[in-house]
């Protein structure tokens, strides 16, 4: 698919008037063959609202952050090329919506992915979930072309996150949300000191937190929100095992993922896992629920992840 020529509006902080009537109007104007399908709100995420369109499609519209338009265009450009080889369902873009006077943002129509977000319905079948996640990341982590997007700091040296890590850890520790701040710092410091990734830049989801993974019957069904899709160090995605899997399933994941991660990659993955866990704790426990997509259900997976990482260190 060829990316559309769109301009992203600046200084947008929040759009609150996304309604069924608005979406139908947009569809009638740009994709009239879809306009009479049933519509129902699916989720309000950090960047986008998702509305189910009929049985098999969804409409994603940016409602909060300025960068959301560019992220949707990135998904529309790249995800259809990657989706056929992925063993879990993903929201494959089907149509693009151009900015208009009625709605001055880019929006897309994708396939609908069934399931419940793992922050509300965590995986409970450990071994099956671990092998499913490993198969998905094995399939995704192929070398990316030179023109693949970079990670805006992620996928590079973990040491570059020192300022962010220190700030998040101090904030959580001050509120008594981290039981062993020194232990958490030691995990991150060891990860930052690990040898860097010397392999090819591989495709990464880049944002594998529990709200972006869908479960069904206790295991993983789908993966959503590829707005952060980029190429870099696979350790960024391998960190998800600590955040998404039940206790005692992380080793099953590492044994199933191919190629088997070396010791340095696992060290870096633990550092990225600490960062993700602290972010989830901040969003879930710090009263930050007024931000779009902020959810109290993000806190428990973050706490569980830190417990797993600290236990593995002893």
Protein backbone atom coordinates (compact mmCIF):
# COMPACT_ATOMS: atom_id res chain seq x y z
CA UNK A 1 0.00 0.00 0.00
CA UNK A 2 1.22 3.51 -0.77
CA UNK A 3 1.13 5.89 2.20
CA UNK A 4 -1.25 8.81 1.72
CA UNK A 5 -0.13 12.38 1.46
CA UNK A 6 -1.53 13.89 4.63
CA UNK A 7 -0.64 16.74 6.91
CA UNK A 8 -0.72 16.17 10.65
CA UNK A 9 -2.34 19.04 12.54
CA UNK A 10 -0.25 20.61 15.27
CA UNK A 11 -1.11 21.64 18.82
CA UNK A 12 -3.83 19.00 19.15
CA UNK A 13 -4.18 17.93 22.76
CA UNK A 14 -7.57 16.23 22.97
CA UNK A 15 -10.55 15.45 20.76
CA UNK A 16 -13.63 14.50 22.73
CA UNK A 17 -16.43 14.60 20.16
CA UNK A 18 -15.89 11.26 18.42
CA UNK A 19 -19.37 9.79 18.12
CA UNK A 20 -21.18 7.18 16.07
CA UNK A 21 -22.74 9.95 13.99
CA UNK A 22 -19.32 11.45 13.23
CA UNK A 23 -17.88 8.11 12.14
CA UNK A 24 -20.86 7.38 9.89
CA UNK A 25 -20.49 10.80 8.31
CA UNK A 26 -16.79 10.17 7.65
CA UNK A 27 -17.52 6.76 6.17
CA UNK A 28 -20.31 8.07 3.93
CA UNK A 29 -17.97 10.72 2.59
CA UNK A 30 -14.87 8.57 1.99
CA UNK A 31 -15.90 4.88 2.19
CA UNK A 32 -19.65 4.79 1.54
CA UNK A 33 -19.76 1.01 1.08
CA UNK A 34 -18.98 0.67 4.82
CA UNK A 35 -21.25 3.39 6.15
CA UNK A 36 -24.31 1.26 6.95
CA UNK A 37 -22.50 -1.34 9.04
CA UNK A 38 -23.15 -1.57 12.77
CA UNK A 39 -20.90 0.57 14.99
CA UNK A 40 -19.93 0.12 18.63
CA UNK A 41 -17.16 1.64 20.74
CA UNK A 42 -14.43 -0.92 21.37
CA UNK A 43 -11.79 0.96 23.38
CA UNK A 44 -10.32 4.35 24.17
CA UNK A 45 -6.58 3.89 23.93
CA UNK A 46 -3.65 6.18 24.60
CA UNK A 47 -3.61 7.61 21.07
CA UNK A 48 -6.75 6.32 19.36
CA UNK A 49 -10.35 5.32 19.84
CA UNK A 50 -11.32 1.97 18.31
CA UNK A 51 -14.87 1.36 17.09
CA UNK A 52 -16.03 -2.03 15.88
CA UNK A 53 -17.46 -1.82 12.37
CA UNK A 54 -19.71 -4.73 11.55
CA UNK A 55 -18.41 -8.17 12.49
CA UNK A 56 -14.95 -8.09 10.96
CA UNK A 57 -13.68 -4.49 10.76
CA UNK A 58 -12.73 -1.64 13.09
CA UNK A 59 -12.28 2.11 12.74
CA UNK A 60 -9.35 3.72 14.53
CA UNK A 61 -9.41 7.47 15.01
CA UNK A 62 -6.83 9.60 16.86
CA UNK A 63 -8.34 11.45 19.78
CA UNK A 64 -5.54 12.71 22.00
CA UNK A 65 -1.90 12.91 20.94
CA UNK A 66 -0.35 14.83 18.07
CA UNK A 67 1.77 11.92 16.85
CA UNK A 68 -1.19 9.56 16.42
CA UNK A 69 -1.72 10.48 12.75
CA UNK A 70 1.84 9.56 11.80
CA UNK A 71 1.59 6.31 13.75
CA UNK A 72 -1.56 5.30 11.88
CA UNK A 73 0.09 6.04 8.55
CA UNK A 74 3.05 3.91 9.61
CA UNK A 75 0.73 0.99 10.39
CA UNK A 76 -1.08 1.44 7.08
CA UNK A 77 2.25 1.43 5.24
CA UNK A 78 4.03 -1.50 6.88
CA UNK A 79 1.67 -3.83 8.73
CA UNK A 80 -0.01 -5.37 5.64
CA UNK A 81 3.45 -6.54 4.54
CA UNK A 82 4.21 -8.20 7.87
CA UNK A 83 0.81 -9.60 8.85
CA UNK A 84 0.72 -12.68 6.58
CA UNK A 85 3.59 -14.34 8.40
CA UNK A 86 2.40 -13.62 11.96
CA UNK A 87 0.75 -16.53 13.83
CA UNK A 88 -1.46 -14.34 16.07
CA UNK A 89 -4.21 -12.12 14.71
CA UNK A 90 -3.33 -8.46 14.12
CA UNK A 91 -5.42 -5.46 12.96
CA UNK A 92 -4.52 -5.36 9.27
CA UNK A 93 -5.20 -1.92 7.73
CA UNK A 94 -7.78 -2.01 4.91
CA UNK A 95 -8.65 1.63 4.20
CA UNK A 96 -7.23 5.06 5.01
CA UNK A 97 -9.30 8.08 5.98
CA UNK A 98 -7.99 11.48 4.90
CA UNK A 99 -8.17 14.57 7.13
CA UNK A 100 -11.20 16.70 6.35
CA UNK A 101 -12.95 19.82 7.57
CA UNK A 102 -15.24 17.67 9.71
CA UNK A 103 -12.39 15.66 11.25
CA UNK A 104 -8.90 17.10 10.62
CA UNK A 105 -7.01 13.90 11.41
CA UNK A 106 -5.89 10.78 9.54
CA UNK A 107 -7.84 7.63 10.46
CA UNK A 108 -7.87 4.02 9.28
CA UNK A 109 -10.13 1.01 8.88
CA UNK A 110 -8.58 -2.29 9.96
CA UNK A 111 -9.64 -5.86 10.51
CA UNK A 112 -11.23 -6.52 13.89
CA UNK A 113 -9.21 -8.68 16.32
CA UNK A 114 -11.34 -10.52 18.92
CA UNK A 115 -10.27 -11.12 22.49
CA UNK A 116 -9.89 -9.31 25.82
CA UNK A 117 -6.91 -7.09 26.68
CA UNK A 118 -4.45 -8.91 28.92
CA UNK A 119 -4.51 -6.13 31.51
CA UNK A 120 -8.13 -7.14 32.18
CA UNK A 121 -7.90 -10.85 31.28
CA UNK A 122 -4.31 -12.01 31.91
CA UNK A 123 -2.94 -15.19 30.36
CA UNK A 124 -3.39 -18.12 32.73
CA UNK A 125 -2.21 -21.06 30.65
CA UNK A 126 1.49 -20.45 31.11
CA UNK A 127 3.19 -22.91 28.78
CA UNK A 128 0.73 -22.37 25.93
CA UNK A 129 0.93 -18.61 26.28
CA UNK A 130 4.72 -18.71 26.37
CA UNK A 131 4.99 -20.75 23.20
CA UNK A 132 2.39 -18.57 21.45
CA UNK A 133 4.28 -15.38 22.31
CA UNK A 134 7.59 -16.95 21.29
CA UNK A 135 6.16 -18.06 17.94
CA UNK A 136 4.77 -14.57 17.29
CA UNK A 137 8.05 -12.81 18.05
CA UNK A 138 10.10 -15.40 16.16
CA UNK A 139 7.96 -14.69 13.11
CA UNK A 140 8.08 -10.90 13.55
CA UNK A 141 11.80 -10.54 14.32
CA UNK A 142 13.08 -10.77 10.76
CA UNK A 143 15.68 -8.33 9.38
CA UNK A 144 14.01 -5.10 8.33
CA UNK A 145 14.82 -3.06 5.21
CA UNK A 146 16.97 0.04 5.47
CA UNK A 147 13.93 2.29 5.13
CA UNK A 148 12.17 0.73 8.14
CA UNK A 149 11.41 3.27 10.88
CA UNK A 150 13.68 3.58 13.87
CA UNK A 151 12.57 3.46 17.47
CA UNK A 152 13.03 7.07 18.51
CA UNK A 153 15.55 5.97 21.16
CA UNK A 154 14.22 2.47 21.74
CA UNK A 155 16.12 -0.37 20.17
CA UNK A 156 19.39 1.43 20.76
CA UNK A 157 21.69 1.49 23.76
CA UNK A 158 19.78 0.95 27.01
CA UNK A 159 22.15 3.38 28.72
CA UNK A 160 20.40 6.14 26.78
CA UNK A 161 17.33 5.62 28.99
CA UNK A 162 19.20 6.44 32.21
CA UNK A 163 17.46 9.74 32.84
CA UNK A 164 14.00 8.32 32.23
CA UNK A 165 14.71 5.23 34.33
CA UNK A 166 16.07 7.23 37.26
CA UNK A 167 13.08 9.57 37.21
CA UNK A 168 10.51 6.77 37.05
CA UNK A 169 12.18 4.69 39.75
CA UNK A 170 12.51 7.67 42.11
CA UNK A 171 8.88 8.64 41.58
CA UNK A 172 7.60 5.11 42.24
CA UNK A 173 9.89 4.61 45.24
CA UNK A 174 8.78 7.88 46.85
CA UNK A 175 5.19 6.63 46.77
CA UNK A 176 6.17 3.24 48.19
CA UNK A 177 5.25 1.45 44.97
CA UNK A 178 8.57 -0.42 44.57
CA UNK A 179 9.50 -2.85 47.39
CA UNK A 180 13.22 -3.03 46.53
CA UNK A 181 14.41 0.07 44.63
CA UNK A 182 18.07 -0.95 44.97
CA UNK A 183 17.34 -4.35 43.46
CA UNK A 184 15.41 -2.78 40.58
CA UNK A 185 18.27 -0.36 39.95
CA UNK A 186 20.76 -3.24 39.95
CA UNK A 187 18.77 -5.08 37.25
CA UNK A 188 18.68 -2.01 35.03
CA UNK A 189 22.39 -1.21 35.63
CA UNK A 190 23.39 -4.77 34.70
CA UNK A 191 21.27 -4.54 31.54
CA UNK A 192 22.75 -1.16 30.58
CA UNK A 193 26.25 -2.64 30.95
CA UNK A 194 25.51 -5.64 28.73
CA UNK A 195 27.16 -5.85 25.30
CA UNK A 196 25.06 -4.11 22.63
CA UNK A 197 23.11 -5.85 19.89
CA UNK A 198 25.41 -6.58 16.95
CA UNK A 199 22.92 -8.38 14.73
CA UNK A 200 20.72 -6.90 12.01
CA UNK A 201 17.94 -4.45 12.78
CA UNK A 202 14.87 -6.66 13.13
CA UNK A 203 11.20 -5.72 13.04
CA UNK A 204 9.81 -4.96 16.51
CA UNK A 205 6.31 -4.30 17.79
CA UNK A 206 7.86 -1.88 20.26
CA UNK A 207 4.93 -1.54 22.68
CA UNK A 208 4.06 -4.98 24.02
CA UNK A 209 2.34 -4.05 27.26
CA UNK A 210 -0.74 -5.95 28.52
CA UNK A 211 -3.32 -3.59 27.02
CA UNK A 212 -1.94 -4.34 23.55
CA UNK A 213 -2.21 -8.13 23.84
CA UNK A 214 -5.57 -9.89 23.52
CA UNK A 215 -6.37 -13.16 25.26
CA UNK A 216 -9.01 -15.86 24.90
CA UNK A 217 -9.44 -18.98 27.02
CA UNK A 218 -6.35 -18.14 29.07
CA UNK A 219 -3.88 -17.75 26.21
CA UNK A 220 -2.92 -15.14 23.63
CA UNK A 221 -5.27 -14.56 20.69
CA UNK A 222 -4.05 -11.34 19.08
CA UNK A 223 -1.66 -8.39 19.16
CA UNK A 224 -2.87 -4.85 18.50
CA UNK A 225 -1.55 -1.27 18.20
CA UNK A 226 1.46 -1.40 15.92
CA UNK A 227 1.90 2.38 15.99
CA UNK A 228 5.36 2.01 17.54
CA UNK A 229 6.48 -0.53 14.93
CA UNK A 230 10.20 -0.08 14.24
CA UNK A 231 13.46 -1.93 13.65
CA UNK A 232 16.20 -2.49 16.20
CA UNK A 233 17.38 -4.73 19.05
CA UNK A 234 15.04 -7.71 19.70
CA UNK A 235 15.61 -7.30 23.45
CA UNK A 236 12.98 -4.53 23.41
CA UNK A 237 10.24 -7.03 22.54
CA UNK A 238 11.70 -9.97 24.48
CA UNK A 239 11.15 -7.89 27.62
CA UNK A 240 7.43 -8.56 27.18
CA UNK A 241 7.78 -12.08 28.56
CA UNK A 242 8.31 -10.67 32.06
CA UNK A 243 5.24 -8.47 31.80
CA UNK A 244 2.76 -10.73 30.00
CA UNK A 245 3.36 -14.29 31.14
CA UNK A 246 2.31 -16.04 34.34
CA UNK A 247 4.91 -16.99 36.92
CA UNK A 248 7.28 -19.78 35.86
CA UNK A 249 6.46 -19.36 32.14
CA UNK A 250 9.31 -17.02 31.20
CA UNK A 251 11.81 -19.89 30.89
CA UNK A 252 9.41 -21.71 28.54
CA UNK A 253 9.29 -18.59 26.38
CA UNK A 254 13.09 -18.32 26.23
CA UNK A 255 13.36 -22.00 25.31
CA UNK A 256 10.81 -21.59 22.48
CA UNK A 257 12.00 -18.33 20.89
CA UNK A 258 14.29 -18.63 17.88
CA UNK A 259 17.10 -17.96 17.47
CA UNK A 260 17.76 -18.68 21.14
CA UNK A 261 18.66 -15.37 22.82
CA UNK A 262 22.21 -15.09 24.11
CA UNK A 263 23.07 -14.00 27.64
CA UNK A 264 23.68 -10.36 26.66
CA UNK A 265 20.31 -10.10 24.91
CA UNK A 266 18.54 -11.53 27.96
CA UNK A 267 20.31 -9.00 30.18
CA UNK A 268 19.17 -6.13 27.96
CA UNK A 269 15.65 -7.57 27.86
CA UNK A 270 15.46 -7.46 31.65
CA UNK A 271 16.42 -3.78 31.57
CA UNK A 272 13.70 -2.98 29.06
CA UNK A 273 11.27 -5.02 31.17
CA UNK A 274 12.07 -2.90 34.22
CA UNK A 275 11.36 0.27 32.25
CA UNK A 276 8.05 -1.08 30.96
CA UNK A 277 7.02 -2.28 34.42
CA UNK A 278 7.75 1.12 35.97
CA UNK A 279 5.74 2.83 33.23
CA UNK A 280 2.76 0.55 33.87
CA UNK A 281 2.99 1.18 37.61
CA UNK A 282 3.11 4.94 37.04
CA UNK A 283 0.06 4.89 34.79
CA UNK A 284 -1.84 2.42 36.95
CA UNK A 285 -1.02 3.63 40.43
CA UNK A 286 -0.08 7.29 40.24
CA UNK A 287 -3.51 8.74 39.67
CA UNK A 288 -2.67 9.35 36.01
CA UNK A 289 -5.99 7.98 34.81
CA UNK A 290 -7.07 11.31 33.37
CA UNK A 291 -4.67 10.85 30.46
CA UNK A 292 -6.22 9.09 27.48
CA UNK A 293 -5.76 5.36 27.85
CA UNK A 294 -4.47 5.55 31.40
CA UNK A 295 -5.91 2.63 33.32
CA UNK A 296 -5.71 1.30 36.87
CA UNK A 297 -5.53 -2.19 35.33
CA UNK A 298 -2.00 -1.41 34.10
CA UNK A 299 -0.59 -1.35 37.63
CA UNK A 300 -0.91 -5.03 38.63
CA UNK A 301 1.04 -6.39 35.61
CA UNK A 302 3.81 -3.88 36.33
CA UNK A 303 4.06 -4.96 39.96
CA UNK A 304 3.99 -8.65 39.02
CA UNK A 305 6.76 -8.06 36.46
CA UNK A 306 9.04 -6.43 39.03
CA UNK A 307 8.42 -9.30 41.45
CA UNK A 308 9.41 -11.83 38.78
CA UNK A 309 12.53 -9.90 37.83
CA UNK A 310 13.62 -9.48 41.43
CA UNK A 311 13.04 -13.17 42.22
CA UNK A 312 15.06 -14.20 39.18
CA UNK A 313 17.95 -12.05 40.40
CA UNK A 314 18.25 -13.87 43.74
